[in-house]
C-alpha atoms as a PDB file:
ATOM      1  CA  MET A   1    -108.605  89.920  61.983  1.00  0.00           C
ATOM      2  CA  SER A   2    -111.596  90.574  59.936  1.00  0.00           C
ATOM      3  CA  LEU A   3    -112.519  93.624  62.125  1.00  0.00           C
ATOM      4  CA  LEU A   4    -109.147  94.839  61.519  1.00  0.00           C
ATOM      5  CA  ALA A   5    -109.510  94.438  57.567  1.00  0.00           C
ATOM      6  CA  ASP A   6    -112.744  96.108  57.723  1.00  0.00           C
ATOM      7  CA  LEU A   7    -111.419  99.262  59.464  1.00  0.00           C
ATOM      8  CA  LEU A   8    -108.568  99.615  57.148  1.00  0.00           C
ATOM      9  CA  SER A   9    -110.852  99.284  53.935  1.00  0.00           C
ATOM     10  CA  LYS A  10    -112.932 101.846  55.239  1.00  0.00           C
ATOM     11  CA  ASN A  11    -110.122 104.201  55.886  1.00  0.00           C
ATOM     12  CA  LYS A  12    -108.899 103.802  52.175  1.00  0.00           C
ATOM     13  CA  THR A  13    -112.531 104.571  50.665  1.00  0.00           C
ATOM     14  CA  SER A  14    -112.487 107.771  52.789  1.00  0.00           C
ATOM     15  CA  SER A  15    -109.347 108.928  51.685  1.00  0.00           C
ATOM     16  CA  SER A  16    -110.125 108.081  48.044  1.00  0.00           C
ATOM     17  CA  ASN A  17    -113.049 110.786  47.895  1.00  0.00           C
ATOM     18  CA  GLY A  18    -112.163 114.304  47.078  1.00  0.00           C
ATOM     19  CA  GLY A  19    -109.962 116.305  49.089  1.00  0.00           C
ATOM     20  CA  ASN A  20    -112.952 118.595  49.844  1.00  0.00           C
ATOM     21  CA  GLU A  21    -114.540 116.176  52.039  1.00  0.00           C
ATOM     22  CA  SER A  22    -113.324 115.880  55.632  1.00  0.00           C
ATOM     23  CA  PRO A  23    -112.542 112.559  56.564  1.00  0.00           C
ATOM     24  CA  LEU A  24    -114.915 110.374  58.798  1.00  0.00           C
ATOM     25  CA  PRO A  25    -113.551 110.306  62.203  1.00  0.00           C
ATOM     26  CA  LEU A  26    -112.771 106.689  62.756  1.00  0.00           C
ATOM     27  CA  ASN A  27    -111.662 105.262  65.970  1.00  0.00           C
ATOM     28  CA  VAL A  28    -108.236 103.444  64.699  1.00  0.00           C
ATOM     29  CA  PRO A  29    -105.245 103.384  66.951  1.00  0.00           C
ATOM     30  CA  PRO A  30    -102.355 105.047  65.081  1.00  0.00           C
ATOM     31  CA  THR A  31     -99.895 102.285  65.818  1.00  0.00           C
ATOM     32  CA  LEU A  32    -102.297  99.816  64.241  1.00  0.00           C
ATOM     33  CA  SER A  33    -102.174 101.631  60.994  1.00  0.00           C
ATOM     34  CA  LYS A  34     -98.510 101.736  60.938  1.00  0.00           C
ATOM     35  CA  ALA A  35     -98.274  97.795  61.776  1.00  0.00           C
ATOM     36  CA  GLN A  36    -100.634  96.878  59.073  1.00  0.00           C
ATOM     37  CA  GLY A  37     -98.233  98.898  56.781  1.00  0.00           C
ATOM     38  CA  ILE A  38     -95.077  97.025  57.674  1.00  0.00           C
ATOM     39  CA  SER A  39     -96.641  93.782  57.802  1.00  0.00           C
ATOM     40  CA  SER A  40     -95.953  92.783  54.173  1.00  0.00           C
ATOM     41  CA  PRO A  41     -92.152  93.435  54.228  1.00  0.00           C
ATOM     42  CA  VAL A  42     -91.737  91.311  57.556  1.00  0.00           C
ATOM     43  CA  ARG A  43     -93.436  88.539  55.701  1.00  0.00           C
ATOM     44  CA  SER A  44     -91.204  88.568  52.684  1.00  0.00           C
ATOM     45  CA  LEU A  45     -88.268  88.607  55.140  1.00  0.00           C
ATOM     46  CA  ASN A  46     -89.463  85.650  56.816  1.00  0.00           C
ATOM     47  CA  ASN A  47     -90.303  83.762  53.604  1.00  0.00           C
ATOM     48  CA  ARG A  48     -86.629  84.225  52.746  1.00  0.00           C
ATOM     49  CA  TYR A  49     -85.570  83.107  56.139  1.00  0.00           C
ATOM     50  CA  VAL A  50     -87.552  79.982  55.548  1.00  0.00           C
ATOM     51  CA  LYS A  51     -86.087  79.218  52.155  1.00  0.00           C
ATOM     52  CA  ILE A  52     -82.453  79.644  53.260  1.00  0.00           C
ATOM     53  CA  SER A  53     -83.190  77.503  56.404  1.00  0.00           C
ATOM     54  CA  LEU A  54     -84.676  74.656  54.137  1.00  0.00           C
ATOM     55  CA  VAL A  55     -81.626  74.945  51.781  1.00  0.00           C
ATOM     56  CA  LEU A  56     -79.172  74.643  54.872  1.00  0.00           C
ATOM     57  CA  VAL A  57     -81.247  71.598  56.068  1.00  0.00           C
ATOM     58  CA  ALA A  58     -81.142  70.183  52.709  1.00  0.00           C
ATOM     59  CA  LEU A  59     -77.342  70.632  52.488  1.00  0.00           C
ATOM     60  CA  THR A  60     -76.748  69.224  56.005  1.00  0.00           C
ATOM     61  CA  ALA A  61     -78.914  66.282  55.313  1.00  0.00           C
ATOM     62  CA  LEU A  62     -76.987  65.701  51.912  1.00  0.00           C
ATOM     63  CA  GLY A  63     -73.682  65.979  53.812  1.00  0.00           C
ATOM     64  CA  VAL A  64     -74.750  63.644  56.392  1.00  0.00           C
ATOM     65  CA  PHE A  65     -75.793  61.125  53.568  1.00  0.00           C
ATOM     66  CA  VAL A  66     -72.477  61.433  51.609  1.00  0.00           C
ATOM     67  CA  THR A  67     -70.558  61.129  54.710  1.00  0.00           C
ATOM     68  CA  ALA A  68     -72.510  57.916  55.812  1.00  0.00           C
ATOM     69  CA  LYS A  69     -72.012  56.651  52.096  1.00  0.00           C
ATOM     70  CA  LEU A  70     -68.291  57.196  52.080  1.00  0.00           C
ATOM     71  CA  SER A  71     -67.978  55.521  55.698  1.00  0.00           C
ATOM     72  CA  LEU A  72     -69.848  52.392  54.354  1.00  0.00           C
ATOM     73  CA  LEU A  73     -67.410  52.231  51.280  1.00  0.00           C
ATOM     74  CA  GLY A  74     -64.485  52.528  53.469  1.00  0.00           C
ATOM     75  CA  LYS A  75     -65.516  49.668  55.550  1.00  0.00           C
ATOM     76  CA  LYS A  76     -66.306  47.667  52.368  1.00  0.00           C
ATOM     77  CA  THR A  77     -62.599  48.293  51.204  1.00  0.00           C
ATOM     78  CA  GLN A  78     -60.982  47.412  54.370  1.00  0.00           C
ATOM     79  CA  GLN A  79     -62.811  44.051  54.649  1.00  0.00           C
ATOM     80  CA  THR A  80     -61.939  43.243  51.034  1.00  0.00           C
ATOM     81  CA  THR A  81     -58.394  44.376  50.765  1.00  0.00           C
ATOM     82  CA  PRO A  82     -55.755  42.094  52.854  1.00  0.00           C
ATOM     83  CA  VAL A  83     -53.884  44.190  55.401  1.00  0.00           C
ATOM     84  CA  LYS A  84     -50.118  43.899  55.100  1.00  0.00           C
ATOM     85  CA  VAL A  85     -48.248  43.461  58.300  1.00  0.00           C
ATOM     86  CA  VAL A  86     -44.972  44.993  58.150  1.00  0.00           C
ATOM     87  CA  THR A  87     -42.319  43.252  60.433  1.00  0.00           C
ATOM     88  CA  PRO A  88     -39.189  44.705  61.732  1.00  0.00           C
ATOM     89  CA  SER A  89     -36.233  43.703  59.402  1.00  0.00           C
ATOM     90  CA  THR A  90     -33.924  41.253  61.313  1.00  0.00           C
ATOM     91  CA  ALA A  91     -31.200  41.469  58.704  1.00  0.00           C
ATOM     92  CA  VAL A  92     -27.805  42.230  60.042  1.00  0.00           C
ATOM     93  CA  PRO A  93     -26.627  45.605  58.163  1.00  0.00           C
ATOM     94  CA  GLN A  94     -23.956  44.978  55.888  1.00  0.00           C
ATOM     95  CA  VAL A  95     -20.650  46.600  56.513  1.00  0.00           C
ATOM     96  CA  ALA A  96     -18.637  47.562  53.473  1.00  0.00           C
ATOM     97  CA  LEU A  97     -14.959  45.917  53.837  1.00  0.00           C
ATOM     98  CA  PRO A  98     -11.872  47.559  52.281  1.00  0.00           C
ATOM     99  CA  PRO A  99     -10.602  45.781  49.416  1.00  0.00           C
ATOM    100  CA  PRO A 100      -7.693  43.191  50.228  1.00  0.00           C
ATOM    101  CA  ALA A 101      -4.249  44.502  50.376  1.00  0.00           C
ATOM    102  CA  ALA A 102      -2.219  43.640  47.310  1.00  0.00           C
ATOM    103  CA  ALA A 103       1.145  41.661  47.850  1.00  0.00           C
ATOM    104  CA  PRO A 104       4.349  43.764  47.705  1.00  0.00           C
ATOM    105  CA  PRO A 105       6.073  43.887  44.132  1.00  0.00           C
ATOM    106  CA  LEU A 106       8.309  41.169  43.346  1.00  0.00           C
ATOM    107  CA  GLU A 107      11.459  43.456  43.568  1.00  0.00           C
ATOM    108  CA  GLN A 108      10.582  44.668  47.077  1.00  0.00           C
ATOM    109  CA  ALA A 109       9.969  40.904  48.144  1.00  0.00           C
ATOM    110  CA  ASN A 110      13.566  39.871  46.712  1.00  0.00           C
ATOM    111  CA  LYS A 111      15.354  42.530  48.580  1.00  0.00           C
ATOM    112  CA  ALA A 112      15.879  40.021  51.533  1.00  0.00           C
ATOM    113  CA  ARG A 113      17.244  37.235  49.327  1.00  0.00           C
ATOM    114  CA  ILE A 114      20.956  36.621  49.155  1.00  0.00           C
ATOM    115  CA  THR A 115      22.225  34.906  45.977  1.00  0.00           C
ATOM    116  CA  LEU A 116      25.417  32.912  46.077  1.00  0.00           C
ATOM    117  CA  GLY A 117      26.184  33.441  42.282  1.00  0.00           C
ATOM    118  CA  GLU A 118      28.556  35.895  40.685  1.00  0.00           C
ATOM    119  CA  PRO A 119      27.557  39.560  41.135  1.00  0.00           C
ATOM    120  CA  THR A 120      26.382  40.943  37.790  1.00  0.00           C
ATOM    121  CA  GLU A 121      26.643  44.340  36.487  1.00  0.00           C
ATOM    122  CA  PRO A 122      23.383  46.432  36.733  1.00  0.00           C
ATOM    123  CA  GLU A 123      21.571  46.960  33.226  1.00  0.00           C
ATOM    124  CA  PRO A 124      21.351  50.394  31.541  1.00  0.00           C
ATOM    125  CA  LEU A 125      18.645  52.555  32.638  1.00  0.00           C
ATOM    126  CA  LYS A 126      16.911  52.508  29.336  1.00  0.00           C
ATOM    127  CA  LYS A 127      16.704  48.556  29.270  1.00  0.00           C
ATOM    128  CA  ARG A 128      15.580  48.119  32.824  1.00  0.00           C
ATOM    129  CA  ALA A 129      12.181  46.530  32.885  1.00  0.00           C
ATOM    130  CA  ARG A 130       9.131  48.201  34.460  1.00  0.00           C
ATOM    131  CA  PRO A 131       8.398  47.050  38.024  1.00  0.00           C
ATOM    132  CA  HIS A 132       5.964  44.436  38.178  1.00  0.00           C
ATOM    133  CA  LYS A 133       2.216  45.047  39.315  1.00  0.00           C
ATOM    134  CA  ALA A 134       1.084  44.060  42.706  1.00  0.00           C
ATOM    135  CA  ILE A 135       0.147  40.357  42.740  1.00  0.00           C
ATOM    136  CA  ASN A 136      -2.965  39.438  44.486  1.00  0.00           C
ATOM    137  CA  SER A 137      -2.213  37.564  47.478  1.00  0.00           C
ATOM    138  CA  GLN A 138      -5.381  35.243  47.230  1.00  0.00           C
ATOM    139  CA  HIS A 139      -4.565  34.499  43.648  1.00  0.00           C
ATOM    140  CA  THR A 140      -1.197  33.569  44.617  1.00  0.00           C
ATOM    141  CA  VAL A 141      -2.291  31.084  47.461  1.00  0.00           C
ATOM    142  CA  GLN A 142      -4.875  29.613  45.188  1.00  0.00           C
ATOM    143  CA  LYS A 143      -2.112  28.832  42.625  1.00  0.00           C
ATOM    144  CA  ILE A 144       0.197  27.339  45.001  1.00  0.00           C
ATOM    145  CA  GLU A 145      -2.611  25.239  46.229  1.00  0.00           C
ATOM    146  CA  ARG A 146      -3.440  23.993  42.751  1.00  0.00           C
ATOM    147  CA  GLN A 147       0.349  23.323  42.316  1.00  0.00           C
ATOM    148  CA  LYS A 148       0.384  21.175  45.577  1.00  0.00           C
ATOM    149  CA  LEU A 149      -2.467  19.085  44.192  1.00  0.00           C
ATOM    150  CA  GLN A 150      -1.009  18.595  40.763  1.00  0.00           C
ATOM    151  CA  ALA A 151       2.454  17.716  42.300  1.00  0.00           C
ATOM    152  CA  PRO A 152       3.106  13.940  42.455  1.00  0.00           C
ATOM    153  CA  ALA A 153       3.281  12.455  45.607  1.00  0.00           C
ATOM    154  CA  PRO A 154       6.658  11.424  47.010  1.00  0.00           C
ATOM    155  CA  PRO A 155       7.404   7.791  46.941  1.00  0.00           C
ATOM    156  CA  ARG A 156       6.539   6.099  50.242  1.00  0.00           C
ATOM    157  CA  GLN A 157       9.532   4.507  51.947  1.00  0.00           C
ATOM    158  CA  LYS A 158       8.989   0.930  52.933  1.00  0.00           C
ATOM    159  CA  ALA A 159       9.243   0.394  56.619  1.00  0.00           C
ATOM    160  CA  VAL A 160      12.426  -1.650  57.372  1.00  0.00           C
ATOM    161  CA  ALA A 161      11.490  -4.236  59.989  1.00  0.00           C
ATOM    162  CA  PRO A 162      13.999  -4.321  62.976  1.00  0.00           C
ATOM    163  CA  ARG A 163      16.361  -7.097  62.758  1.00  0.00           C
ATOM    164  CA  LYS A 164      15.730 -10.118  65.030  1.00  0.00           C
ATOM    165  CA  ILE A 165      18.600 -10.640  67.402  1.00  0.00           C
ATOM    166  CA  ASP A 166      19.463 -14.323  68.638  1.00  0.00           C
ATOM    167  CA  THR A 167      20.102 -13.242  72.120  1.00  0.00           C
ATOM    168  CA  ALA A 168      20.651 -16.759  73.324  1.00  0.00           C
ATOM    169  CA  ALA A 169      23.562 -17.357  70.708  1.00  0.00           C
ATOM    170  CA  ARG A 170      24.988 -13.800  71.437  1.00  0.00           C
ATOM    171  CA  ASP A 171      24.889 -14.396  75.256  1.00  0.00           C
ATOM    172  CA  SER A 172      26.627 -17.736  74.860  1.00  0.00           C
ATOM    173  CA  LEU A 173      29.377 -16.314  72.960  1.00  0.00           C
ATOM    174  CA  LEU A 174      29.966 -13.449  75.366  1.00  0.00           C
ATOM    175  CA  TYR A 175      30.149 -15.950  78.070  1.00  0.00           C
ATOM    176  CA  ALA A 176      32.699 -17.927  76.209  1.00  0.00           C
ATOM    177  CA  ALA A 177      34.752 -14.639  75.555  1.00  0.00           C
ATOM    178  CA  ARG A 178      34.768 -13.612  79.061  1.00  0.00           C
ATOM    179  CA  SER A 179      35.928 -17.168  80.192  1.00  0.00           C
ATOM    180  CA  ALA A 180      38.865 -16.695  77.804  1.00  0.00           C
ATOM    181  CA  GLU A 181      39.704 -13.265  79.120  1.00  0.00           C
ATOM    182  CA  GLN A 182      40.150 -14.733  82.665  1.00  0.00           C
ATOM    183  CA  ALA A 183      42.633 -17.490  81.325  1.00  0.00           C
ATOM    184  CA  SER A 184      44.395 -14.568  79.333  1.00  0.00           C
ATOM    185  CA  ASP A 185      43.525 -16.249  76.039  1.00  0.00           C
ATOM    186  CA  TRP A 186      42.822 -12.972  74.238  1.00  0.00           C
ATOM    187  CA  LYS A 187      42.775 -14.651  70.767  1.00  0.00           C
ATOM    188  CA  SER A 188      39.772 -16.841  71.653  1.00  0.00           C
ATOM    189  CA  ALA A 189      38.140 -13.792  73.508  1.00  0.00           C
ATOM    190  CA  LEU A 190      38.518 -11.747  70.360  1.00  0.00           C
ATOM    191  CA  THR A 191      36.994 -14.346  68.361  1.00  0.00           C
ATOM    192  CA  ASN A 192      34.086 -14.969  70.331  1.00  0.00           C
ATOM    193  CA  TYR A 193      33.481 -11.079  70.794  1.00  0.00           C
ATOM    194  CA  ARG A 194      33.501 -10.824  67.015  1.00  0.00           C
ATOM    195  CA  LYS A 195      31.089 -13.418  66.577  1.00  0.00           C
ATOM    196  CA  ALA A 196      28.748 -11.820  69.166  1.00  0.00           C
ATOM    197  CA  LEU A 197      28.980  -8.517  67.314  1.00  0.00           C
ATOM    198  CA  ASP A 198      27.927 -10.303  64.041  1.00  0.00           C
ATOM    199  CA  ILE A 199      24.792 -11.143  65.743  1.00  0.00           C
ATOM    200  CA  ASP A 200      24.255  -7.822  67.493  1.00  0.00           C
ATOM    201  CA  PRO A 201      26.049  -5.332  65.125  1.00  0.00           C
ATOM    202  CA  ASP A 202      24.964  -2.318  66.945  1.00  0.00           C
ATOM    203  CA  ASN A 203      25.934  -3.191  70.195  1.00  0.00           C
ATOM    204  CA  TYR A 204      28.613  -0.538  71.656  1.00  0.00           C
ATOM    205  CA  LYS A 205      29.356  -2.637  74.728  1.00  0.00           C
ATOM    206  CA  ILE A 206      30.458  -5.629  72.443  1.00  0.00           C
ATOM    207  CA  MET A 207      32.491  -3.085  70.243  1.00  0.00           C
ATOM    208  CA  SER A 208      34.315  -1.744  73.457  1.00  0.00           C
ATOM    209  CA  ASN A 209      35.211  -5.409  74.479  1.00  0.00           C
ATOM    210  CA  VAL A 210      36.593  -6.188  71.030  1.00  0.00           C
ATOM    211  CA  ALA A 211      38.649  -2.878  71.529  1.00  0.00           C
ATOM    212  CA  ALA A 212      40.102  -4.149  74.991  1.00  0.00           C
ATOM    213  CA  ALA A 213      41.095  -7.548  73.203  1.00  0.00           C
ATOM    214  CA  LEU A 214      42.859  -5.989  70.390  1.00  0.00           C
ATOM    215  CA  ASN A 215      44.540  -3.768  72.792  1.00  0.00           C
ATOM    216  CA  ASN A 216      45.880  -6.685  74.660  1.00  0.00           C
ATOM    217  CA  LEU A 217      47.098  -8.334  71.662  1.00  0.00           C
ATOM    218  CA  GLY A 218      49.202  -5.365  70.642  1.00  0.00           C
ATOM    219  CA  MET A 219      46.682  -4.458  67.576  1.00  0.00           C
ATOM    220  CA  PHE A 220      46.240  -0.933  68.802  1.00  0.00           C
ATOM    221  CA  ASP A 221      45.182   0.905  65.547  1.00  0.00           C
ATOM    222  CA  GLU A 222      42.333  -1.631  65.205  1.00  0.00           C
ATOM    223  CA  GLY A 223      41.498  -1.199  68.959  1.00  0.00           C
ATOM    224  CA  ILE A 224      41.252   2.471  68.549  1.00  0.00           C
ATOM    225  CA  GLN A 225      38.971   2.058  65.451  1.00  0.00           C
ATOM    226  CA  GLU A 226      36.696  -0.183  67.414  1.00  0.00           C
ATOM    227  CA  ALA A 227      36.588   1.989  70.323  1.00  0.00           C
ATOM    228  CA  GLU A 228      35.731   4.872  68.360  1.00  0.00           C
ATOM    229  CA  ARG A 229      32.867   3.138  66.910  1.00  0.00           C
ATOM    230  CA  ALA A 230      31.642   2.341  70.190  1.00  0.00           C
ATOM    231  CA  LEU A 231      31.939   6.161  71.099  1.00  0.00           C
ATOM    232  CA  ALA A 232      29.978   7.010  67.971  1.00  0.00           C
ATOM    233  CA  LYS A 233      27.095   5.155  69.341  1.00  0.00           C
ATOM    234  CA  LYS A 234      27.405   6.288  72.918  1.00  0.00           C
ATOM    235  CA  PRO A 235      29.959   9.173  73.321  1.00  0.00           C
ATOM    236  CA  ASP A 236      29.882   8.966  77.259  1.00  0.00           C
ATOM    237  CA  TYR A 237      30.703   5.122  77.604  1.00  0.00           C
ATOM    238  CA  VAL A 238      33.386   5.167  80.137  1.00  0.00           C
ATOM    239  CA  LEU A 239      35.120   1.733  78.993  1.00  0.00           C
ATOM    240  CA  ALA A 240      35.087   2.594  75.454  1.00  0.00           C
ATOM    241  CA  LEU A 241      36.862   5.913  76.463  1.00  0.00           C
ATOM    242  CA  ILE A 242      39.506   3.833  78.551  1.00  0.00           C
ATOM    243  CA  ASN A 243      40.193   1.565  75.693  1.00  0.00           C
ATOM    244  CA  ALA A 244      40.581   4.440  73.263  1.00  0.00           C
ATOM    245  CA  ALA A 245      42.872   6.116  75.658  1.00  0.00           C
ATOM    246  CA  ILE A 246      44.983   3.011  76.213  1.00  0.00           C
ATOM    247  CA  GLY A 247      45.292   2.541  72.466  1.00  0.00           C
ATOM    248  CA  ASN A 248      46.357   6.172  71.952  1.00  0.00           C
ATOM    249  CA  SER A 249      48.787   5.820  75.013  1.00  0.00           C
ATOM    250  CA  SER A 250      50.394   2.857  73.493  1.00  0.00           C
ATOM    251  CA  LYS A 251      50.712   4.505  69.924  1.00  0.00           C
ATOM    252  CA  GLY A 252      52.481   7.555  71.688  1.00  0.00           C
ATOM    253  CA  ASN A 253      49.555   9.888  71.424  1.00  0.00           C
ATOM    254  CA  THR A 254      49.962  10.928  75.140  1.00  0.00           C
ATOM    255  CA  GLN A 255      47.965  14.116  74.872  1.00  0.00           C
ATOM    256  CA  LYS A 256      44.939  12.691  73.129  1.00  0.00           C
ATOM    257  CA  ALA A 257      44.910   9.762  75.634  1.00  0.00           C
ATOM    258  CA  LEU A 258      45.248  12.366  78.573  1.00  0.00           C
ATOM    259  CA  ARG A 259      42.402  14.107  77.253  1.00  0.00           C
ATOM    260  CA  LEU A 260      40.189  10.754  77.049  1.00  0.00           C
ATOM    261  CA  PHE A 261      41.119   9.558  80.410  1.00  0.00           C
ATOM    262  CA  THR A 262      40.368  12.990  81.950  1.00  0.00           C
ATOM    263  CA  PHE A 263      36.813  13.183  80.231  1.00  0.00           C
ATOM    264  CA  ALA A 264      36.278   9.449  81.419  1.00  0.00           C
ATOM    265  CA  SER A 265      37.466  10.326  85.057  1.00  0.00           C
ATOM    266  CA  ALA A 266      34.995  13.163  85.268  1.00  0.00           C
ATOM    267  CA  LEU A 267      32.283  10.760  84.373  1.00  0.00           C
ATOM    268  CA  ASP A 268      33.344   7.867  86.787  1.00  0.00           C
ATOM    269  CA  PRO A 269      35.745   8.943  89.399  1.00  0.00           C
ATOM    270  CA  SER A 270      35.559   6.002  91.227  1.00  0.00           C
ATOM    271  CA  ASN A 271      36.703   3.668  88.582  1.00  0.00           C
ATOM    272  CA  ARG A 272      39.953   1.943  89.683  1.00  0.00           C
ATOM    273  CA  THR A 273      41.322   0.968  86.349  1.00  0.00           C
ATOM    274  CA  LEU A 274      40.702   4.543  85.038  1.00  0.00           C
ATOM    275  CA  VAL A 275      42.461   6.330  87.990  1.00  0.00           C
ATOM    276  CA  ILE A 276      45.602   4.011  87.621  1.00  0.00           C
ATOM    277  CA  ASN A 277      45.804   4.418  83.855  1.00  0.00           C
ATOM    278  CA  LEU A 278      45.278   8.487  84.178  1.00  0.00           C
ATOM    279  CA  GLY A 279      48.184   8.598  86.773  1.00  0.00           C
ATOM    280  CA  ILE A 280      50.453   6.439  84.648  1.00  0.00           C
ATOM    281  CA  LEU A 281      49.748   9.033  81.531  1.00  0.00           C
ATOM    282  CA  HIS A 282      50.531  11.899  83.859  1.00  0.00           C
ATOM    283  CA  GLU A 283      53.878  10.146  84.697  1.00  0.00           C
ATOM    284  CA  ARG A 284      54.648   9.690  81.170  1.00  0.00           C
ATOM    285  CA  ALA A 285      53.721  13.310  80.382  1.00  0.00           C
ATOM    286  CA  GLY A 286      56.189  14.457  83.275  1.00  0.00           C
ATOM    287  CA  ASN A 287      53.472  15.769  85.423  1.00  0.00           C
ATOM    288  CA  LEU A 288      54.392  14.166  88.723  1.00  0.00           C
ATOM    289  CA  ASP A 289      52.406  16.254  90.841  1.00  0.00           C
ATOM    290  CA  ALA A 290      49.208  15.493  88.816  1.00  0.00           C
ATOM    291  CA  ALA A 291      50.240  11.871  88.924  1.00  0.00           C
ATOM    292  CA  GLN A 292      50.720  11.781  92.730  1.00  0.00           C
ATOM    293  CA  ALA A 293      47.427  13.460  93.178  1.00  0.00           C
ATOM    294  CA  THR A 294      45.621  10.998  91.139  1.00  0.00           C
ATOM    295  CA  TYR A 295      47.383   7.893  92.744  1.00  0.00           C
ATOM    296  CA  ARG A 296      46.381   9.429  96.291  1.00  0.00           C
ATOM    297  CA  GLN A 297      42.617   8.888  95.341  1.00  0.00           C
ATOM    298  CA  LEU A 298      43.104   5.189  95.577  1.00  0.00           C
ATOM    299  CA  ALA A 299      46.182   4.943  98.050  1.00  0.00           C
ATOM    300  CA  ALA A 300      43.912   5.518 100.849  1.00  0.00           C
ATOM    301  CA  THR A 301      41.960   2.436 100.248  1.00  0.00           C
ATOM    302  CA  ASP A 302      45.287   0.331 100.401  1.00  0.00           C
ATOM    303  CA  ASP A 303      44.959  -0.225  96.541  1.00  0.00           C
ATOM    304  CA  PRO A 304      48.370  -2.066  95.615  1.00  0.00           C
ATOM    305  CA  LEU A 305      48.870  -0.469  92.160  1.00  0.00           C
ATOM    306  CA  ALA A 306      48.105   3.059  93.471  1.00  0.00           C
ATOM    307  CA  LEU A 307      50.634   2.679  96.162  1.00  0.00           C
ATOM    308  CA  GLN A 308      53.275   1.240  93.588  1.00  0.00           C
ATOM    309  CA  GLY A 309      52.627   4.408  91.771  1.00  0.00           C
ATOM    310  CA  MET A 310      52.790   6.535  94.664  1.00  0.00           C
ATOM    311  CA  ALA A 311      56.354   4.907  95.473  1.00  0.00           C
ATOM    312  CA  ARG A 312      57.679   5.370  91.956  1.00  0.00           C
ATOM    313  CA  ILE A 313      56.673   9.240  92.102  1.00  0.00           C
ATOM    314  CA  TYR A 314      58.845   9.381  95.495  1.00  0.00           C
ATOM    315  CA  GLU A 315      61.717   7.775  93.777  1.00  0.00           C
ATOM    316  CA  ARG A 316      61.479  10.301  90.940  1.00  0.00           C
ATOM    317  CA  LYS A 317      61.606  13.114  93.339  1.00  0.00           C
ATOM    318  CA  GLY A 318      64.338  11.725  95.318  1.00  0.00           C
ATOM    319  CA  ASN A 319      62.662  10.916  98.412  1.00  0.00           C
ATOM    320  CA  ARG A 320      64.048   7.610  99.163  1.00  0.00           C
ATOM    321  CA  ILE A 321      62.570   7.211 102.685  1.00  0.00           C
ATOM    322  CA  GLU A 322      58.969   7.522 101.603  1.00  0.00           C
ATOM    323  CA  ALA A 323      59.618   5.298  98.562  1.00  0.00           C
ATOM    324  CA  VAL A 324      60.820   2.626 100.852  1.00  0.00           C
ATOM    325  CA  ARG A 325      58.091   3.072 103.278  1.00  0.00           C
ATOM    326  CA  THR A 326      55.376   2.665 100.507  1.00  0.00           C
ATOM    327  CA  TYR A 327      57.114  -0.435  98.952  1.00  0.00           C
ATOM    328  CA  ARG A 328      56.987  -2.207 102.509  1.00  0.00           C
ATOM    329  CA  GLN A 329      53.387  -1.391 102.818  1.00  0.00           C
ATOM    330  CA  ILE A 330      52.454  -2.947  99.384  1.00  0.00           C
ATOM    331  CA  MET A 331      54.508  -6.243 100.689  1.00  0.00           C
ATOM    332  CA  ALA A 332      52.242  -6.315 103.847  1.00  0.00           C
ATOM    333  CA  LEU A 333      49.100  -6.109 101.570  1.00  0.00           C
ATOM    334  CA  PRO A 334      47.400  -9.621 101.494  1.00  0.00           C
ATOM    335  CA  ASN A 335      45.560  -8.583  98.080  1.00  0.00           C
ATOM    336  CA  ALA A 336      48.842  -7.841  96.383  1.00  0.00           C
ATOM    337  CA  SER A 337      49.692 -10.290  93.543  1.00  0.00           C
ATOM    338  CA  SER A 338      52.733 -12.393  93.794  1.00  0.00           C
ATOM    339  CA  ALA A 339      54.291 -10.997  90.550  1.00  0.00           C
ATOM    340  CA  LEU A 340      53.816  -7.404  92.165  1.00  0.00           C
ATOM    341  CA  LYS A 341      55.559  -8.328  95.461  1.00  0.00           C
ATOM    342  CA  ARG A 342      58.297  -9.832  93.456  1.00  0.00           C
ATOM    343  CA  GLU A 343      58.571  -6.520  91.561  1.00  0.00           C
ATOM    344  CA  VAL A 344      58.374  -4.573  94.795  1.00  0.00           C
ATOM    345  CA  LYS A 345      60.986  -6.765  96.596  1.00  0.00           C
ATOM    346  CA  GLY A 346      63.574  -5.984  93.881  1.00  0.00           C
ATOM    347  CA  LYS A 347      62.861  -2.254  94.379  1.00  0.00           C
ATOM    348  CA  LEU A 348      63.528  -2.613  98.020  1.00  0.00           C
ATOM    349  CA  VAL A 349      66.870  -4.388  97.590  1.00  0.00           C
ATOM    350  CA  ARG A 350      67.957  -1.690  95.262  1.00  0.00           C
ATOM    351  CA  LEU A 351      66.838   1.210  97.538  1.00  0.00           C
ATOM    352  CA  GLU A 352      68.247  -0.384 100.723  1.00  0.00           C
ATOM    353  CA  GLU A 353      71.806  -1.015  99.465  1.00  0.00           C
END
């Protein structure tokens, strides 16, 4: 480099001399002088690039420093501030319900009510009251509940203890009454039945027995009354129906007695006393065919009273031969009573004359 500087300095001194002198011939390459001429601006440019690079490096370093500082500050804040954990809500979403329906106005609610009082004239239009506002049904129910709580409780009825029945004394009286019946002592039977009824006043069977005793004593009104008392306790009691029918028949109430006997016969078609009495009632009413059909139910079993009824029907119809044959059949029965045979014998004497 020192050699190059010396050559350049010599070139300058030769050119500074007057223009008259010819320059000294120097062996300097032309390209070298040009390079020397442009070396200074290149250096200035290089210096600028170096400065810019340094500035960029400084800015980059500053940015890295600032970024690192901010990251440290962020970590510290994350460590110091608690993290809120958000959990999913389990609450059931509330559904908006419509308001409760109001009860109908009083005028509409009273349309179905029927009053038994006198009809009143309608009021003039000007004096008519305005329709009542709808009443809240919930408020009405609460009011009724309060009235129930405030209302005094009804008085308690004392439990009535069942009456104790002396069954031994009652049964003893019933036994004495039946013994009197067998002896046809209806007064003693009636007395004992009434005493037994005083001990057991709700016994419908004893009431019916009292009615039977009264009928046999000719006290038909009282007999009907006692039989109806028994039927009020038990409407389908056959013996009470029979005693009531006998009393009505004896009083001349044939149709009522016939209805009672028909009802009793439907309940107990095999009752001998019932069949005989029903046939007698049909005879009194003039229903000879019905009476004959009723007697025929027992005639097949050789019942003396049923055969007697059949013979009477034959007599009334004018069938003398069948009447005689039936009466003779009764005379041959071993279970026919002596009184019945005496009566039948008189019938035969009259029919065979």
